[in-house]
Amino acid sequence: MKHSIYQIKLDAISQVIDHGRLISDVARDFRISKKKLFLWLRDVEKGNISRNENGDVSSEAEALRFEISYLAAKLIAVEAKRLS
């Protein structure tokens, strides 16, 4: 089953908050930067990220920014692998 970009973000945040995992480990597992995950966690702390009835991130613009950064990180990983 394919996960939505929104769900990936929420899952990464949950791994740190709910399961007590290290930011560095979660960032590596989700192939995102530690800084990006830290910023998401800070947004949660400030109340800028919430879930609607479907469990999705409520801000469409935020979701689109996440999707762009997620795809850019995947592209960088593929390019690094190709060059190695």
C-alpha atoms as a PDB file:
ATOM      1  CA  MET A   1       0.000   0.000   0.000  1.00  0.00           C
ATOM      2  CA  LYS A   2       1.400   3.395  -1.007  1.00  0.00           C
ATOM      3  CA  HIS A   3       1.646   5.977   1.767  1.00  0.00           C
ATOM      4  CA  SER A   4       0.805   9.595   1.096  1.00  0.00           C
ATOM      5  CA  ILE A   5       3.487  12.228   1.534  1.00  0.00           C
ATOM      6  CA  TYR A   6       1.434  13.561   4.439  1.00  0.00           C
ATOM      7  CA  GLN A   7       1.500  10.215   6.176  1.00  0.00           C
ATOM      8  CA  ILE A   8       5.259   9.905   5.751  1.00  0.00           C
ATOM      9  CA  LYS A   9       5.746  13.244   7.489  1.00  0.00           C
ATOM     10  CA  LEU A  10       3.426  12.298  10.320  1.00  0.00           C
ATOM     11  CA  ASP A  11       5.107   8.896  10.660  1.00  0.00           C
ATOM     12  CA  ALA A  12       8.566  10.465  10.904  1.00  0.00           C
ATOM     13  CA  ILE A  13       7.367  12.916  13.551  1.00  0.00           C
ATOM     14  CA  SER A  14       5.649  10.105  15.442  1.00  0.00           C
ATOM     15  CA  GLN A  15       8.819   8.008  15.509  1.00  0.00           C
ATOM     16  CA  VAL A  16      10.551  10.765  17.496  1.00  0.00           C
ATOM     17  CA  ILE A  17       7.679  11.967  19.673  1.00  0.00           C
ATOM     18  CA  ASP A  18       5.752   8.771  20.354  1.00  0.00           C
ATOM     19  CA  HIS A  19       8.525   6.187  20.160  1.00  0.00           C
ATOM     20  CA  GLY A  20      11.468   8.191  21.514  1.00  0.00           C
ATOM     21  CA  ARG A  21      13.765   7.482  18.561  1.00  0.00           C
ATOM     22  CA  LEU A  22      16.723   9.721  17.821  1.00  0.00           C
ATOM     23  CA  ILE A  23      16.250  12.428  15.200  1.00  0.00           C
ATOM     24  CA  SER A  24      19.374  11.264  13.364  1.00  0.00           C
ATOM     25  CA  ASP A  25      18.105   7.668  13.130  1.00  0.00           C
ATOM     26  CA  VAL A  26      14.634   8.664  11.955  1.00  0.00           C
ATOM     27  CA  ALA A  27      16.029  11.136   9.412  1.00  0.00           C
ATOM     28  CA  ARG A  28      18.282   8.429   7.990  1.00  0.00           C
ATOM     29  CA  ASP A  29      15.443   5.888   7.849  1.00  0.00           C
ATOM     30  CA  PHE A  30      13.115   8.328   6.071  1.00  0.00           C
ATOM     31  CA  ARG A  31      15.923   9.734   3.880  1.00  0.00           C
ATOM     32  CA  ILE A  32      15.421  13.315   5.012  1.00  0.00           C
ATOM     33  CA  SER A  33      17.839  15.749   6.599  1.00  0.00           C
ATOM     34  CA  LYS A  34      18.100  16.000  10.369  1.00  0.00           C
ATOM     35  CA  LYS A  35      17.452  19.731  10.026  1.00  0.00           C
ATOM     36  CA  LYS A  36      14.191  19.145   8.119  1.00  0.00           C
ATOM     37  CA  LEU A  37      12.955  16.689  10.756  1.00  0.00           C
ATOM     38  CA  PHE A  38      13.948  19.086  13.522  1.00  0.00           C
ATOM     39  CA  LEU A  39      11.972  21.865  11.799  1.00  0.00           C
ATOM     40  CA  TRP A  40       8.918  19.600  11.524  1.00  0.00           C
ATOM     41  CA  LEU A  41       9.182  18.791  15.213  1.00  0.00           C
ATOM     42  CA  ARG A  42       9.458  22.485  16.022  1.00  0.00           C
ATOM     43  CA  ASP A  43       6.323  23.125  13.949  1.00  0.00           C
ATOM     44  CA  VAL A  44       4.492  20.472  15.956  1.00  0.00           C
ATOM     45  CA  GLU A  45       5.643  22.110  19.185  1.00  0.00           C
ATOM     46  CA  LYS A  46       4.359  25.491  17.968  1.00  0.00           C
ATOM     47  CA  GLY A  47       1.066  23.951  16.877  1.00  0.00           C
ATOM     48  CA  ASN A  48       1.669  24.653  13.176  1.00  0.00           C
ATOM     49  CA  ILE A  49       1.121  21.020  12.169  1.00  0.00           C
ATOM     50  CA  SER A  50      -2.118  19.308  13.027  1.00  0.00           C
ATOM     51  CA  ARG A  51      -4.250  16.482  11.715  1.00  0.00           C
ATOM     52  CA  ASN A  52      -7.695  16.785  10.206  1.00  0.00           C
ATOM     53  CA  GLU A  53     -10.367  14.076  10.399  1.00  0.00           C
ATOM     54  CA  ASN A  54      -8.464  12.002   7.818  1.00  0.00           C
ATOM     55  CA  GLY A  55      -5.175  12.244   9.704  1.00  0.00           C
ATOM     56  CA  ASP A  56      -3.636  14.421   6.972  1.00  0.00           C
ATOM     57  CA  VAL A  57      -1.570  17.541   7.492  1.00  0.00           C
ATOM     58  CA  SER A  58      -4.046  20.406   7.547  1.00  0.00           C
ATOM     59  CA  SER A  59      -2.048  22.924   5.527  1.00  0.00           C
ATOM     60  CA  GLU A  60      -1.997  22.103   1.811  1.00  0.00           C
ATOM     61  CA  ALA A  61       0.870  24.535   1.209  1.00  0.00           C
ATOM     62  CA  GLU A  62       2.921  22.875   3.944  1.00  0.00           C
ATOM     63  CA  ALA A  63       2.185  19.488   2.446  1.00  0.00           C
ATOM     64  CA  LEU A  64       3.350  20.643  -0.974  1.00  0.00           C
ATOM     65  CA  ARG A  65       6.551  22.121   0.480  1.00  0.00           C
ATOM     66  CA  PHE A  66       7.168  18.796   2.203  1.00  0.00           C
ATOM     67  CA  GLU A  67       6.583  16.865  -1.009  1.00  0.00           C
ATOM     68  CA  ILE A  68       9.101  19.040  -2.856  1.00  0.00           C
ATOM     69  CA  SER A  69      11.752  18.596  -0.154  1.00  0.00           C
ATOM     70  CA  TYR A  70      11.072  14.856   0.067  1.00  0.00           C
ATOM     71  CA  LEU A  71      11.434  14.385  -3.689  1.00  0.00           C
ATOM     72  CA  ALA A  72      14.548  16.566  -3.777  1.00  0.00           C
ATOM     73  CA  ALA A  73      16.123  14.412  -1.036  1.00  0.00           C
ATOM     74  CA  LYS A  74      15.283  11.262  -2.976  1.00  0.00           C
ATOM     75  CA  LEU A  75      16.834  12.750  -6.120  1.00  0.00           C
ATOM     76  CA  ILE A  76      20.029  13.619  -4.242  1.00  0.00           C
ATOM     77  CA  ALA A  77      20.220  10.066  -2.868  1.00  0.00           C
ATOM     78  CA  VAL A  78      19.764   8.563  -6.334  1.00  0.00           C
ATOM     79  CA  GLU A  79      22.392  10.882  -7.838  1.00  0.00           C
ATOM     80  CA  ALA A  80      24.858  10.066  -5.049  1.00  0.00           C
ATOM     81  CA  LYS A  81      24.324   6.347  -5.579  1.00  0.00           C
ATOM     82  CA  ARG A  82      24.723   6.742  -9.347  1.00  0.00           C
ATOM     83  CA  LEU A  83      27.997   8.642  -8.930  1.00  0.00           C
ATOM     84  CA  SER A  84      29.495   6.194  -6.434  1.00  0.00           C
END
